[in-house]
Structure formats: C-alpha cells, structure tokens
Amino acid sequence: MPDDLLTPTIAPADYQLKRKPWRPQSLLVPAILGGPTAVTVLALLNAGRLGLSRRATLTVLGAGLAALAARVAVTATLLPEATFGPARLIGSLAGALAWVAVSVTQKTRYRAYEWRGGEPAALLLPGLAAILLLGLVDGLLIRLVVRG
C-alpha cells in the first residue's frame, strides 16, 4: 500500500486561526431568538474567525439584509398593528432563513477546522448579547416602519 493514501490532505498550517470560531449550527439559536440582524452580525464575525473568502462573507451579508428586508415588508404588509406574537414569529422565520446561508457558507470550513482538532469558541455571552441588543434593534425598526 503506497504511503500517499495515508497522507492527510488538509495541512495543519491551513487552519491555524487567530481566534476560535463558533460552531455554525450554534448560530441557529440567536437566529431564532434574535432575528436576522443578530445572526448576520454573529455570522460576519465568525466568517472573519474562519478566514472565509470575500465572496462567502458577502453572501452572508446579502442573505442577512434580504431576510431583514423581507421581515420588515411582511410585517408591515400583513400586520399593520405589529402585534407581538405574529411579528415575533416572522422575525424568527427571517432569522432562520438567514441562518441557512450561514450554514451553507461556513459549514465546510468549520468542519475542516474541527477535523484538525480545533475546538469551538463559547457562543453563550456573544449570542446572548446579540439576541438582546440586536433583537431590540430589529424590534425598533419594525415599530418605526409599521407605525411610521
């Protein structure tokens, strides 16, 4: 059996990152609880941690902005009074849709990092901050558009 078959194809130097990335699957919780703005900001930070290409980073940004625009449009059109329950559900759905782009763009790079022995960073505090602060920003934006 030739030695080439046993040689790793992912070089350790390729995935030596400055900061530990977050697990892309973990970003689903801030996406649902904080909406599209929360998941987009966290995903952009994670793209930098993973060293993703500019194209992948712009894909995440575009998906986040599209999800936010869709959330505002659907809420303003269907819920002129912006009742809390249905508006919150629309925000969760928009965040989950933005997360799909995050998962597609970051999953492969994160797996390669993980296969080389990398450990994920803790998302608890940044995730909680994004849910509270950026979820509030989303809510204020909805209030301004619907009542404005």
N, C-alpha and C. Protein backbone atom coordinates (compact mmCIF):
# COMPACT_ATOMS: atom_id res chain seq x y z
N MET A 1 0.85 -1.18 0.00
CA MET A 1 0.00 0.00 0.00
C MET A 1 0.89 1.24 0.00
N PRO A 2 0.69 2.14 -0.96
CA PRO A 2 1.53 3.35 -1.03
C PRO A 2 1.25 4.28 0.15
N ASP A 3 2.27 5.02 0.54
CA ASP A 3 2.16 5.96 1.65
C ASP A 3 1.28 7.16 1.31
N ASP A 4 1.07 7.45 0.03
CA ASP A 4 0.26 8.60 -0.37
C ASP A 4 -1.18 8.49 0.14
N LEU A 5 -1.68 7.29 0.27
CA LEU A 5 -3.05 7.11 0.73
C LEU A 5 -3.22 7.50 2.19
N LEU A 6 -2.15 7.44 2.94
CA LEU A 6 -2.23 7.74 4.36
C LEU A 6 -1.81 9.17 4.70
N THR A 7 -1.45 9.94 3.70
CA THR A 7 -1.04 11.33 3.91
C THR A 7 -2.28 12.21 4.02
N PRO A 8 -2.38 13.02 5.09
CA PRO A 8 -3.54 13.90 5.21
C PRO A 8 -3.60 14.92 4.07
N THR A 9 -4.80 15.22 3.65
CA THR A 9 -4.97 16.20 2.57
C THR A 9 -5.15 17.61 3.11
N ILE A 10 -5.46 17.75 4.37
CA ILE A 10 -5.63 19.06 4.99
C ILE A 10 -4.39 19.31 5.84
N ALA A 11 -3.61 20.28 5.44
CA ALA A 11 -2.39 20.59 6.18
C ALA A 11 -2.73 21.35 7.45
N PRO A 12 -2.09 21.04 8.57
CA PRO A 12 -2.40 21.73 9.83
C PRO A 12 -2.22 23.24 9.74
N ALA A 13 -1.24 23.71 8.98
CA ALA A 13 -1.00 25.15 8.88
C ALA A 13 -2.14 25.88 8.20
N ASP A 14 -2.92 25.17 7.37
CA ASP A 14 -4.02 25.81 6.66
C ASP A 14 -5.12 26.30 7.60
N TYR A 15 -5.25 25.70 8.75
CA TYR A 15 -6.37 26.01 9.63
C TYR A 15 -5.94 26.50 11.00
N GLN A 16 -4.78 27.10 11.09
CA GLN A 16 -4.35 27.74 12.31
C GLN A 16 -4.97 29.13 12.35
N LEU A 17 -6.02 29.28 13.12
CA LEU A 17 -6.77 30.53 13.15
C LEU A 17 -6.37 31.35 14.37
N LYS A 18 -6.51 32.67 14.24
CA LYS A 18 -6.16 33.57 15.34
C LYS A 18 -7.13 33.44 16.51
N ARG A 19 -8.42 33.34 16.17
CA ARG A 19 -9.46 33.20 17.20
C ARG A 19 -10.29 31.98 16.88
N LYS A 20 -10.71 31.29 17.90
CA LYS A 20 -11.55 30.12 17.69
C LYS A 20 -12.90 30.54 17.11
N PRO A 21 -13.37 29.83 16.10
CA PRO A 21 -14.68 30.16 15.53
C PRO A 21 -15.80 29.53 16.35
N TRP A 22 -17.01 30.04 16.13
CA TRP A 22 -18.19 29.43 16.72
C TRP A 22 -18.69 28.34 15.79
N ARG A 23 -19.33 27.36 16.34
CA ARG A 23 -19.94 26.29 15.54
C ARG A 23 -21.11 26.91 14.76
N PRO A 24 -21.12 26.80 13.42
CA PRO A 24 -22.21 27.40 12.63
C PRO A 24 -23.60 26.92 13.04
N GLN A 25 -23.72 25.68 13.48
CA GLN A 25 -25.02 25.17 13.92
C GLN A 25 -25.51 25.91 15.16
N SER A 26 -24.60 26.38 15.99
CA SER A 26 -24.96 27.10 17.21
C SER A 26 -25.58 28.46 16.91
N LEU A 27 -25.32 29.00 15.74
CA LEU A 27 -25.86 30.31 15.39
C LEU A 27 -27.36 30.26 15.10
N LEU A 28 -27.94 29.06 15.06
CA LEU A 28 -29.38 28.95 14.83
C LEU A 28 -30.17 29.51 16.01
N VAL A 29 -29.68 29.35 17.22
CA VAL A 29 -30.39 29.87 18.40
C VAL A 29 -30.50 31.39 18.36
N PRO A 30 -29.39 32.14 18.15
CA PRO A 30 -29.54 33.59 18.01
C PRO A 30 -30.38 33.98 16.79
N ALA A 31 -30.36 33.15 15.76
CA ALA A 31 -31.17 33.45 14.57
C ALA A 31 -32.65 33.43 14.91
N ILE A 32 -33.07 32.44 15.67
CA ILE A 32 -34.49 32.30 16.01
C ILE A 32 -34.90 33.29 17.09
N LEU A 33 -34.07 33.46 18.10
CA LEU A 33 -34.43 34.34 19.22
C LEU A 33 -34.13 35.81 18.96
N GLY A 34 -33.12 36.10 18.14
CA GLY A 34 -32.73 37.49 17.91
C GLY A 34 -33.08 38.03 16.54
N GLY A 35 -33.42 37.16 15.61
CA GLY A 35 -33.81 37.61 14.28
C GLY A 35 -32.64 37.70 13.31
N PRO A 36 -32.90 38.22 12.13
CA PRO A 36 -31.88 38.24 11.08
C PRO A 36 -30.68 39.14 11.38
N THR A 37 -30.88 40.22 12.09
CA THR A 37 -29.75 41.11 12.39
C THR A 37 -28.76 40.43 13.33
N ALA A 38 -29.27 39.75 14.33
CA ALA A 38 -28.40 39.08 15.30
C ALA A 38 -27.57 38.00 14.63
N VAL A 39 -28.21 37.15 13.84
CA VAL A 39 -27.46 36.07 13.21
C VAL A 39 -26.50 36.60 12.15
N THR A 40 -26.86 37.66 11.47
CA THR A 40 -25.97 38.20 10.44
C THR A 40 -24.70 38.78 11.06
N VAL A 41 -24.84 39.54 12.13
CA VAL A 41 -23.66 40.12 12.78
C VAL A 41 -22.75 39.02 13.33
N LEU A 42 -23.34 38.04 14.01
CA LEU A 42 -22.53 36.94 14.53
C LEU A 42 -21.87 36.15 13.41
N ALA A 43 -22.59 35.93 12.32
CA ALA A 43 -22.05 35.17 11.20
C ALA A 43 -20.92 35.92 10.51
N LEU A 44 -21.03 37.24 10.42
CA LEU A 44 -19.95 38.03 9.82
C LEU A 44 -18.69 37.96 10.69
N LEU A 45 -18.87 38.02 12.00
CA LEU A 45 -17.73 37.87 12.90
C LEU A 45 -17.11 36.48 12.76
N ASN A 46 -17.97 35.47 12.65
CA ASN A 46 -17.49 34.10 12.52
C ASN A 46 -16.80 33.89 11.18
N ALA A 47 -17.27 34.55 10.13
CA ALA A 47 -16.60 34.46 8.83
C ALA A 47 -15.17 34.97 8.93
N GLY A 48 -14.99 36.04 9.68
CA GLY A 48 -13.63 36.54 9.90
C GLY A 48 -12.79 35.57 10.71
N ARG A 49 -13.39 34.94 11.70
CA ARG A 49 -12.67 33.97 12.51
C ARG A 49 -12.27 32.75 11.68
N LEU A 50 -13.12 32.36 10.75
CA LEU A 50 -12.85 31.20 9.91
C LEU A 50 -11.95 31.54 8.72
N GLY A 51 -11.75 32.81 8.46
CA GLY A 51 -10.94 33.21 7.32
C GLY A 51 -11.63 32.93 6.00
N LEU A 52 -12.95 33.13 5.95
CA LEU A 52 -13.70 32.86 4.73
C LEU A 52 -13.38 33.88 3.65
N SER A 53 -13.66 33.50 2.44
CA SER A 53 -13.42 34.39 1.30
C SER A 53 -14.36 35.59 1.34
N ARG A 54 -14.01 36.59 0.59
CA ARG A 54 -14.85 37.79 0.49
C ARG A 54 -16.22 37.43 -0.08
N ARG A 55 -16.24 36.54 -1.04
CA ARG A 55 -17.50 36.12 -1.67
C ARG A 55 -18.42 35.47 -0.66
N ALA A 56 -17.89 34.57 0.17
CA ALA A 56 -18.71 33.91 1.18
C ALA A 56 -19.21 34.91 2.22
N THR A 57 -18.37 35.85 2.60
CA THR A 57 -18.77 36.87 3.56
C THR A 57 -19.87 37.76 2.99
N LEU A 58 -19.74 38.14 1.72
CA LEU A 58 -20.77 38.96 1.08
C LEU A 58 -22.08 38.18 0.90
N THR A 59 -21.97 36.89 0.71
CA THR A 59 -23.17 36.05 0.62
C THR A 59 -23.94 36.09 1.93
N VAL A 60 -23.22 35.96 3.03
CA VAL A 60 -23.86 36.02 4.36
C VAL A 60 -24.49 37.40 4.58
N LEU A 61 -23.77 38.45 4.24
CA LEU A 61 -24.29 39.80 4.40
C LEU A 61 -25.54 40.01 3.54
N GLY A 62 -25.49 39.59 2.30
CA GLY A 62 -26.63 39.74 1.41
C GLY A 62 -27.85 38.97 1.89
N ALA A 63 -27.64 37.76 2.36
CA ALA A 63 -28.75 36.95 2.87
C ALA A 63 -29.35 37.59 4.13
N GLY A 64 -28.50 38.14 4.98
CA GLY A 64 -28.99 38.80 6.19
C GLY A 64 -29.80 40.04 5.88
N LEU A 65 -29.31 40.84 4.94
CA LEU A 65 -30.05 42.05 4.55
C LEU A 65 -31.36 41.70 3.85
N ALA A 66 -31.34 40.67 3.02
CA ALA A 66 -32.58 40.23 2.35
C ALA A 66 -33.59 39.71 3.36
N ALA A 67 -33.13 38.95 4.36
CA ALA A 67 -34.03 38.43 5.39
C ALA A 67 -34.61 39.57 6.22
N LEU A 68 -33.79 40.57 6.55
CA LEU A 68 -34.29 41.72 7.30
C LEU A 68 -35.31 42.51 6.48
N ALA A 69 -35.02 42.73 5.20
CA ALA A 69 -35.96 43.45 4.34
C ALA A 69 -37.27 42.67 4.20
N ALA A 70 -37.16 41.37 4.06
CA ALA A 70 -38.38 40.54 3.96
C ALA A 70 -39.17 40.59 5.25
N ARG A 71 -38.48 40.57 6.38
CA ARG A 71 -39.19 40.64 7.66
C ARG A 71 -39.95 41.96 7.79
N VAL A 72 -39.30 43.05 7.46
CA VAL A 72 -39.94 44.36 7.55
C VAL A 72 -41.13 44.43 6.59
N ALA A 73 -40.94 43.98 5.36
CA ALA A 73 -42.00 44.06 4.36
C ALA A 73 -43.21 43.20 4.75
N VAL A 74 -42.96 41.97 5.17
CA VAL A 74 -44.06 41.07 5.53
C VAL A 74 -44.78 41.59 6.76
N THR A 75 -44.04 42.04 7.75
CA THR A 75 -44.67 42.55 8.97
C THR A 75 -45.49 43.80 8.67
N ALA A 76 -44.94 44.71 7.89
CA ALA A 76 -45.66 45.95 7.57
C ALA A 76 -46.89 45.68 6.71
N THR A 77 -46.81 44.70 5.84
CA THR A 77 -47.93 44.40 4.95
C THR A 77 -49.03 43.61 5.65
N LEU A 78 -48.65 42.59 6.36
CA LEU A 78 -49.64 41.68 6.96
C LEU A 78 -50.09 42.07 8.36
N LEU A 79 -49.27 42.80 9.07
CA LEU A 79 -49.58 43.12 10.46
C LEU A 79 -49.44 44.62 10.71
N PRO A 80 -50.37 45.41 10.25
CA PRO A 80 -50.22 46.86 10.42
C PRO A 80 -50.18 47.30 11.88
N GLU A 81 -50.74 46.51 12.79
CA GLU A 81 -50.68 46.87 14.21
C GLU A 81 -49.42 46.33 14.89
N ALA A 82 -48.65 45.50 14.19
CA ALA A 82 -47.42 44.90 14.72
C ALA A 82 -47.65 44.22 16.05
N THR A 83 -48.63 43.33 16.10
CA THR A 83 -48.88 42.57 17.32
C THR A 83 -47.66 41.72 17.64
N PHE A 84 -47.41 41.54 18.90
CA PHE A 84 -46.16 40.94 19.34
C PHE A 84 -45.98 39.50 18.84
N GLY A 85 -46.95 38.65 19.03
CA GLY A 85 -46.81 37.23 18.70
C GLY A 85 -46.49 36.96 17.24
N PRO A 86 -47.38 37.36 16.33
CA PRO A 86 -47.10 37.10 14.91
C PRO A 86 -45.85 37.83 14.39
N ALA A 87 -45.61 39.03 14.84
CA ALA A 87 -44.42 39.75 14.40
C ALA A 87 -43.15 39.04 14.87
N ARG A 88 -43.18 38.50 16.05
CA ARG A 88 -42.05 37.75 16.60
C ARG A 88 -41.80 36.47 15.79
N LEU A 89 -42.90 35.81 15.40
CA LEU A 89 -42.78 34.60 14.60
C LEU A 89 -42.16 34.91 13.23
N ILE A 90 -42.56 36.00 12.63
CA ILE A 90 -41.99 36.40 11.34
C ILE A 90 -40.49 36.70 11.51
N GLY A 91 -40.12 37.33 12.61
CA GLY A 91 -38.70 37.60 12.89
C GLY A 91 -37.90 36.32 13.05
N SER A 92 -38.48 35.34 13.72
CA SER A 92 -37.80 34.05 13.90
C SER A 92 -37.62 33.34 12.57
N LEU A 93 -38.64 33.37 11.74
CA LEU A 93 -38.54 32.73 10.42
C LEU A 93 -37.50 33.43 9.55
N ALA A 94 -37.47 34.75 9.59
CA ALA A 94 -36.48 35.51 8.81
C ALA A 94 -35.06 35.20 9.30
N GLY A 95 -34.89 35.11 10.61
CA GLY A 95 -33.58 34.76 11.17
C GLY A 95 -33.15 33.36 10.76
N ALA A 96 -34.09 32.42 10.77
CA ALA A 96 -33.77 31.05 10.37
C ALA A 96 -33.39 30.98 8.89
N LEU A 97 -34.07 31.77 8.06
CA LEU A 97 -33.72 31.80 6.64
C LEU A 97 -32.33 32.39 6.42
N ALA A 98 -31.99 33.41 7.18
CA ALA A 98 -30.64 33.98 7.08
C ALA A 98 -29.60 32.97 7.54
N TRP A 99 -29.95 32.18 8.55
CA TRP A 99 -29.04 31.16 9.06
C TRP A 99 -28.72 30.10 8.01
N VAL A 100 -29.65 29.82 7.12
CA VAL A 100 -29.39 28.82 6.08
C VAL A 100 -28.17 29.23 5.25
N ALA A 101 -28.07 30.50 4.89
CA ALA A 101 -26.90 30.98 4.15
C ALA A 101 -25.64 30.85 4.99
N VAL A 102 -25.75 31.10 6.27
CA VAL A 102 -24.60 30.96 7.17
C VAL A 102 -24.14 29.51 7.18
N SER A 103 -25.06 28.60 7.33
CA SER A 103 -24.73 27.18 7.38
C SER A 103 -24.05 26.73 6.09
N VAL A 104 -24.60 27.15 4.96
CA VAL A 104 -24.04 26.74 3.67
C VAL A 104 -22.63 27.28 3.48
N THR A 105 -22.39 28.51 3.85
CA THR A 105 -21.08 29.11 3.60
C THR A 105 -20.02 28.75 4.63
N GLN A 106 -20.41 28.43 5.86
CA GLN A 106 -19.42 28.23 6.91
C GLN A 106 -19.22 26.78 7.33
N LYS A 107 -20.12 25.91 6.97
CA LYS A 107 -20.07 24.53 7.44
C LYS A 107 -18.80 23.80 7.01
N THR A 108 -18.43 23.91 5.75
CA THR A 108 -17.28 23.16 5.24
C THR A 108 -15.98 23.62 5.90
N ARG A 109 -15.80 24.92 5.98
CA ARG A 109 -14.57 25.44 6.58
C ARG A 109 -14.49 25.09 8.07
N TYR A 110 -15.64 25.15 8.75
CA TYR A 110 -15.63 24.80 10.17
C TYR A 110 -15.33 23.32 10.36
N ARG A 111 -15.89 22.46 9.52
CA ARG A 111 -15.61 21.02 9.64
C ARG A 111 -14.13 20.73 9.46
N ALA A 112 -13.50 21.39 8.49
CA ALA A 112 -12.07 21.19 8.28
C ALA A 112 -11.30 21.63 9.51
N TYR A 113 -11.70 22.74 10.11
CA TYR A 113 -11.08 23.22 11.35
C TYR A 113 -11.25 22.20 12.46
N GLU A 114 -12.45 21.66 12.57
CA GLU A 114 -12.75 20.69 13.62
C GLU A 114 -12.00 19.38 13.41
N TRP A 115 -11.89 18.93 12.18
CA TRP A 115 -11.19 17.68 11.88
C TRP A 115 -9.71 17.77 12.22
N ARG A 116 -9.16 18.97 12.20
CA ARG A 116 -7.75 19.13 12.55
C ARG A 116 -7.57 19.31 14.05
N GLY A 117 -8.62 19.07 14.82
CA GLY A 117 -8.52 19.13 16.28
C GLY A 117 -8.93 20.46 16.88
N GLY A 118 -9.49 21.36 16.10
CA GLY A 118 -9.91 22.65 16.61
C GLY A 118 -11.16 22.55 17.47
N GLU A 119 -11.22 23.35 18.49
CA GLU A 119 -12.37 23.39 19.39
C GLU A 119 -13.16 24.67 19.15
N PRO A 120 -14.49 24.62 19.26
CA PRO A 120 -15.28 25.84 19.05
C PRO A 120 -15.16 26.81 20.22
N ALA A 121 -15.35 28.06 19.90
CA ALA A 121 -15.39 29.09 20.95
C ALA A 121 -16.78 29.07 21.59
N ALA A 122 -16.86 29.58 22.80
CA ALA A 122 -18.15 29.66 23.50
C ALA A 122 -18.98 30.79 22.91
N LEU A 123 -20.23 30.49 22.60
CA LEU A 123 -21.13 31.47 22.00
C LEU A 123 -22.11 32.06 23.01
N LEU A 124 -22.08 31.60 24.24
CA LEU A 124 -23.09 31.99 25.22
C LEU A 124 -23.19 33.50 25.40
N LEU A 125 -22.13 34.17 25.77
CA LEU A 125 -22.19 35.61 26.02
C LEU A 125 -22.38 36.43 24.74
N PRO A 126 -21.61 36.16 23.67
CA PRO A 126 -21.88 36.92 22.44
C PRO A 126 -23.28 36.64 21.88
N GLY A 127 -23.73 35.41 21.98
CA GLY A 127 -25.07 35.07 21.49
C GLY A 127 -26.15 35.77 22.28
N LEU A 128 -26.00 35.78 23.59
CA LEU A 128 -26.98 36.46 24.45
C LEU A 128 -26.99 37.97 24.18
N ALA A 129 -25.82 38.54 24.04
CA ALA A 129 -25.73 39.98 23.73
C ALA A 129 -26.38 40.29 22.39
N ALA A 130 -26.14 39.45 21.38
CA ALA A 130 -26.74 39.68 20.06
C ALA A 130 -28.25 39.54 20.12
N ILE A 131 -28.73 38.54 20.87
CA ILE A 131 -30.18 38.35 20.98
C ILE A 131 -30.83 39.57 21.62
N LEU A 132 -30.25 40.05 22.72
CA LEU A 132 -30.84 41.17 23.44
C LEU A 132 -30.69 42.49 22.69
N LEU A 133 -29.48 42.82 22.29
CA LEU A 133 -29.24 44.13 21.67
C LEU A 133 -29.76 44.20 20.23
N LEU A 134 -29.39 43.24 19.42
CA LEU A 134 -29.78 43.30 18.01
C LEU A 134 -31.22 42.89 17.81
N GLY A 135 -31.74 42.05 18.70
CA GLY A 135 -33.17 41.75 18.66
C GLY A 135 -33.98 43.00 18.97
N LEU A 136 -33.48 43.82 19.89
CA LEU A 136 -34.13 45.10 20.21
C LEU A 136 -34.07 46.05 19.01
N VAL A 137 -32.95 46.08 18.33
CA VAL A 137 -32.82 46.91 17.13
C VAL A 137 -33.83 46.47 16.07
N ASP A 138 -33.95 45.16 15.87
CA ASP A 138 -34.95 44.65 14.92
C ASP A 138 -36.36 45.08 15.31
N GLY A 139 -36.66 44.95 16.58
CA GLY A 139 -37.99 45.33 17.07
C GLY A 139 -38.27 46.81 16.89
N LEU A 140 -37.28 47.65 17.18
CA LEU A 140 -37.44 49.09 17.00
C LEU A 140 -37.62 49.45 15.53
N LEU A 141 -36.88 48.78 14.67
CA LEU A 141 -37.04 49.01 13.24
C LEU A 141 -38.45 48.66 12.77
N ILE A 142 -38.97 47.56 13.26
CA ILE A 142 -40.35 47.16 12.90
C ILE A 142 -41.33 48.21 13.40
N ARG A 143 -41.17 48.67 14.62
CA ARG A 143 -42.06 49.69 15.17
C ARG A 143 -42.02 50.97 14.34
N LEU A 144 -40.82 51.39 13.95
CA LEU A 144 -40.69 52.62 13.15
C LEU A 144 -41.35 52.47 11.78
N VAL A 145 -41.17 51.34 11.15
CA VAL A 145 -41.72 51.16 9.82
C VAL A 145 -43.23 50.99 9.86
N VAL A 146 -43.71 50.19 10.80
CA VAL A 146 -45.14 49.91 10.86
C VAL A 146 -45.94 51.11 11.36
N ARG A 147 -45.43 51.77 12.37
CA ARG A 147 -46.16 52.91 12.94
C ARG A 147 -45.78 54.24 12.29
N GLY A 148 -44.70 54.24 11.52
CA GLY A 148 -44.21 55.48 10.93
C GLY A 148 -44.96 55.84 9.74
